[in-house]
């Protein structure tokens, strides 16, 4: 029966993970920080009341006005067609 030293497997060899290069570690730290900060920053930006008022509410009001104009135009066209057919 073979006893294993620390870091060796029973099949032989070393089970420790080989250290990565310095550049690989820096890249992983950068990626991890990006993955963590991006959602936090986006959440913070989107929850700013000023931003919400300026961009979302005004855009919705503009879309509503455009929709009202489109409905008025369709109604006027139907009334015009009905008036032309009845005369």
C-alpha atoms as a PDB file:
ATOM      1  CA  UNK A   1       0.000   0.000   0.000  1.00  0.00           C
ATOM      2  CA  UNK A   2       1.348   3.400  -0.977  1.00  0.00           C
ATOM      3  CA  UNK A   3       0.801   6.480   1.145  1.00  0.00           C
ATOM      4  CA  UNK A   4       0.578   9.831  -0.587  1.00  0.00           C
ATOM      5  CA  UNK A   5       2.582  12.851   0.339  1.00  0.00           C
ATOM      6  CA  UNK A   6       0.859  16.231   0.345  1.00  0.00           C
ATOM      7  CA  UNK A   7       0.206  17.292  -3.220  1.00  0.00           C
ATOM      8  CA  UNK A   8       0.575  13.848  -4.786  1.00  0.00           C
ATOM      9  CA  UNK A   9      -2.194  11.628  -6.072  1.00  0.00           C
ATOM     10  CA  UNK A  10      -2.363   7.887  -5.464  1.00  0.00           C
ATOM     11  CA  UNK A  11      -1.700   7.369  -9.167  1.00  0.00           C
ATOM     12  CA  UNK A  12       1.455   9.408  -8.990  1.00  0.00           C
ATOM     13  CA  UNK A  13       2.086  12.900 -10.108  1.00  0.00           C
ATOM     14  CA  UNK A  14       1.329  16.253  -8.610  1.00  0.00           C
ATOM     15  CA  UNK A  15      -2.299  17.330  -8.071  1.00  0.00           C
ATOM     16  CA  UNK A  16      -1.509  20.979  -7.397  1.00  0.00           C
ATOM     17  CA  UNK A  17      -2.562  23.427 -10.061  1.00  0.00           C
ATOM     18  CA  UNK A  18       0.398  24.874 -11.843  1.00  0.00           C
ATOM     19  CA  UNK A  19       0.771  28.594 -11.249  1.00  0.00           C
ATOM     20  CA  UNK A  20      -0.306  30.755 -14.158  1.00  0.00           C
ATOM     21  CA  UNK A  21       1.829  33.417 -15.675  1.00  0.00           C
ATOM     22  CA  UNK A  22       1.651  36.904 -14.192  1.00  0.00           C
ATOM     23  CA  UNK A  23      -0.196  38.192 -17.285  1.00  0.00           C
ATOM     24  CA  UNK A  24      -2.818  35.434 -17.011  1.00  0.00           C
ATOM     25  CA  UNK A  25      -3.527  36.344 -13.396  1.00  0.00           C
ATOM     26  CA  UNK A  26      -3.852  40.032 -14.260  1.00  0.00           C
ATOM     27  CA  UNK A  27      -6.238  39.199 -17.102  1.00  0.00           C
ATOM     28  CA  UNK A  28      -8.379  37.050 -14.818  1.00  0.00           C
ATOM     29  CA  UNK A  29      -8.503  39.783 -12.178  1.00  0.00           C
ATOM     30  CA  UNK A  30      -9.506  42.317 -14.837  1.00  0.00           C
ATOM     31  CA  UNK A  31     -12.235  40.037 -16.198  1.00  0.00           C
ATOM     32  CA  UNK A  32     -13.563  39.302 -12.719  1.00  0.00           C
ATOM     33  CA  UNK A  33     -13.690  42.987 -11.833  1.00  0.00           C
ATOM     34  CA  UNK A  34     -15.433  43.756 -15.123  1.00  0.00           C
ATOM     35  CA  UNK A  35     -17.998  40.993 -14.543  1.00  0.00           C
ATOM     36  CA  UNK A  36     -18.725  42.358 -11.078  1.00  0.00           C
ATOM     37  CA  UNK A  37     -18.743  46.091 -11.775  1.00  0.00           C
ATOM     38  CA  UNK A  38     -20.675  46.201 -15.062  1.00  0.00           C
ATOM     39  CA  UNK A  39     -24.044  45.012 -13.659  1.00  0.00           C
ATOM     40  CA  UNK A  40     -23.658  47.175 -10.558  1.00  0.00           C
ATOM     41  CA  UNK A  41     -22.920  50.290 -12.623  1.00  0.00           C
ATOM     42  CA  UNK A  42     -25.792  49.603 -15.030  1.00  0.00           C
ATOM     43  CA  UNK A  43     -28.176  49.093 -12.112  1.00  0.00           C
ATOM     44  CA  UNK A  44     -27.003  52.336 -10.513  1.00  0.00           C
ATOM     45  CA  UNK A  45     -27.382  54.320 -13.763  1.00  0.00           C
ATOM     46  CA  UNK A  46     -30.813  52.951 -14.572  1.00  0.00           C
ATOM     47  CA  UNK A  47     -32.097  53.761 -11.083  1.00  0.00           C
ATOM     48  CA  UNK A  48     -31.219  57.432 -11.241  1.00  0.00           C
ATOM     49  CA  UNK A  49     -34.514  59.351 -11.052  1.00  0.00           C
ATOM     50  CA  UNK A  50     -33.161  62.133 -13.239  1.00  0.00           C
ATOM     51  CA  UNK A  51     -32.157  59.716 -15.983  1.00  0.00           C
ATOM     52  CA  UNK A  52     -35.487  57.912 -15.769  1.00  0.00           C
ATOM     53  CA  UNK A  53     -37.420  61.163 -16.137  1.00  0.00           C
ATOM     54  CA  UNK A  54     -35.310  62.475 -18.986  1.00  0.00           C
ATOM     55  CA  UNK A  55     -35.124  59.406 -21.148  1.00  0.00           C
ATOM     56  CA  UNK A  56     -37.893  56.965 -20.321  1.00  0.00           C
ATOM     57  CA  UNK A  57     -40.851  59.176 -19.386  1.00  0.00           C
ATOM     58  CA  UNK A  58     -40.275  61.743 -22.129  1.00  0.00           C
ATOM     59  CA  UNK A  59     -39.822  59.019 -24.745  1.00  0.00           C
ATOM     60  CA  UNK A  60     -43.063  57.333 -23.671  1.00  0.00           C
ATOM     61  CA  UNK A  61     -44.921  60.652 -23.806  1.00  0.00           C
ATOM     62  CA  UNK A  62     -43.610  61.258 -27.312  1.00  0.00           C
ATOM     63  CA  UNK A  63     -44.646  57.761 -28.424  1.00  0.00           C
ATOM     64  CA  UNK A  64     -48.110  58.330 -26.937  1.00  0.00           C
ATOM     65  CA  UNK A  65     -48.509  61.618 -28.840  1.00  0.00           C
ATOM     66  CA  UNK A  66     -47.438  59.940 -32.086  1.00  0.00           C
ATOM     67  CA  UNK A  67     -49.948  57.151 -31.457  1.00  0.00           C
ATOM     68  CA  UNK A  68     -52.740  59.687 -30.813  1.00  0.00           C
ATOM     69  CA  UNK A  69     -51.921  61.483 -34.078  1.00  0.00           C
ATOM     70  CA  UNK A  70     -51.977  58.194 -35.964  1.00  0.00           C
ATOM     71  CA  UNK A  71     -55.405  57.295 -34.518  1.00  0.00           C
ATOM     72  CA  UNK A  72     -56.772  60.779 -35.352  1.00  0.00           C
ATOM     73  CA  UNK A  73     -55.521  60.453 -38.919  1.00  0.00           C
ATOM     74  CA  UNK A  74     -57.125  57.012 -39.317  1.00  0.00           C
ATOM     75  CA  UNK A  75     -60.417  58.302 -37.862  1.00  0.00           C
ATOM     76  CA  UNK A  76     -60.419  61.296 -40.226  1.00  0.00           C
ATOM     77  CA  UNK A  77     -59.728  59.012 -43.206  1.00  0.00           C
ATOM     78  CA  UNK A  78     -62.626  56.720 -42.226  1.00  0.00           C
ATOM     79  CA  UNK A  79     -64.970  59.684 -41.800  1.00  0.00           C
ATOM     80  CA  UNK A  80     -63.861  61.072 -45.166  1.00  0.00           C
ATOM     81  CA  UNK A  81     -64.437  57.709 -46.872  1.00  0.00           C
ATOM     82  CA  UNK A  82     -67.853  57.364 -45.227  1.00  0.00           C
ATOM     83  CA  UNK A  83     -68.782  60.886 -46.354  1.00  0.00           C
ATOM     84  CA  UNK A  84     -67.646  60.156 -49.918  1.00  0.00           C
ATOM     85  CA  UNK A  85     -69.604  56.874 -50.060  1.00  0.00           C
ATOM     86  CA  UNK A  86     -72.815  58.460 -48.715  1.00  0.00           C
ATOM     87  CA  UNK A  87     -72.776  61.330 -51.216  1.00  0.00           C
END
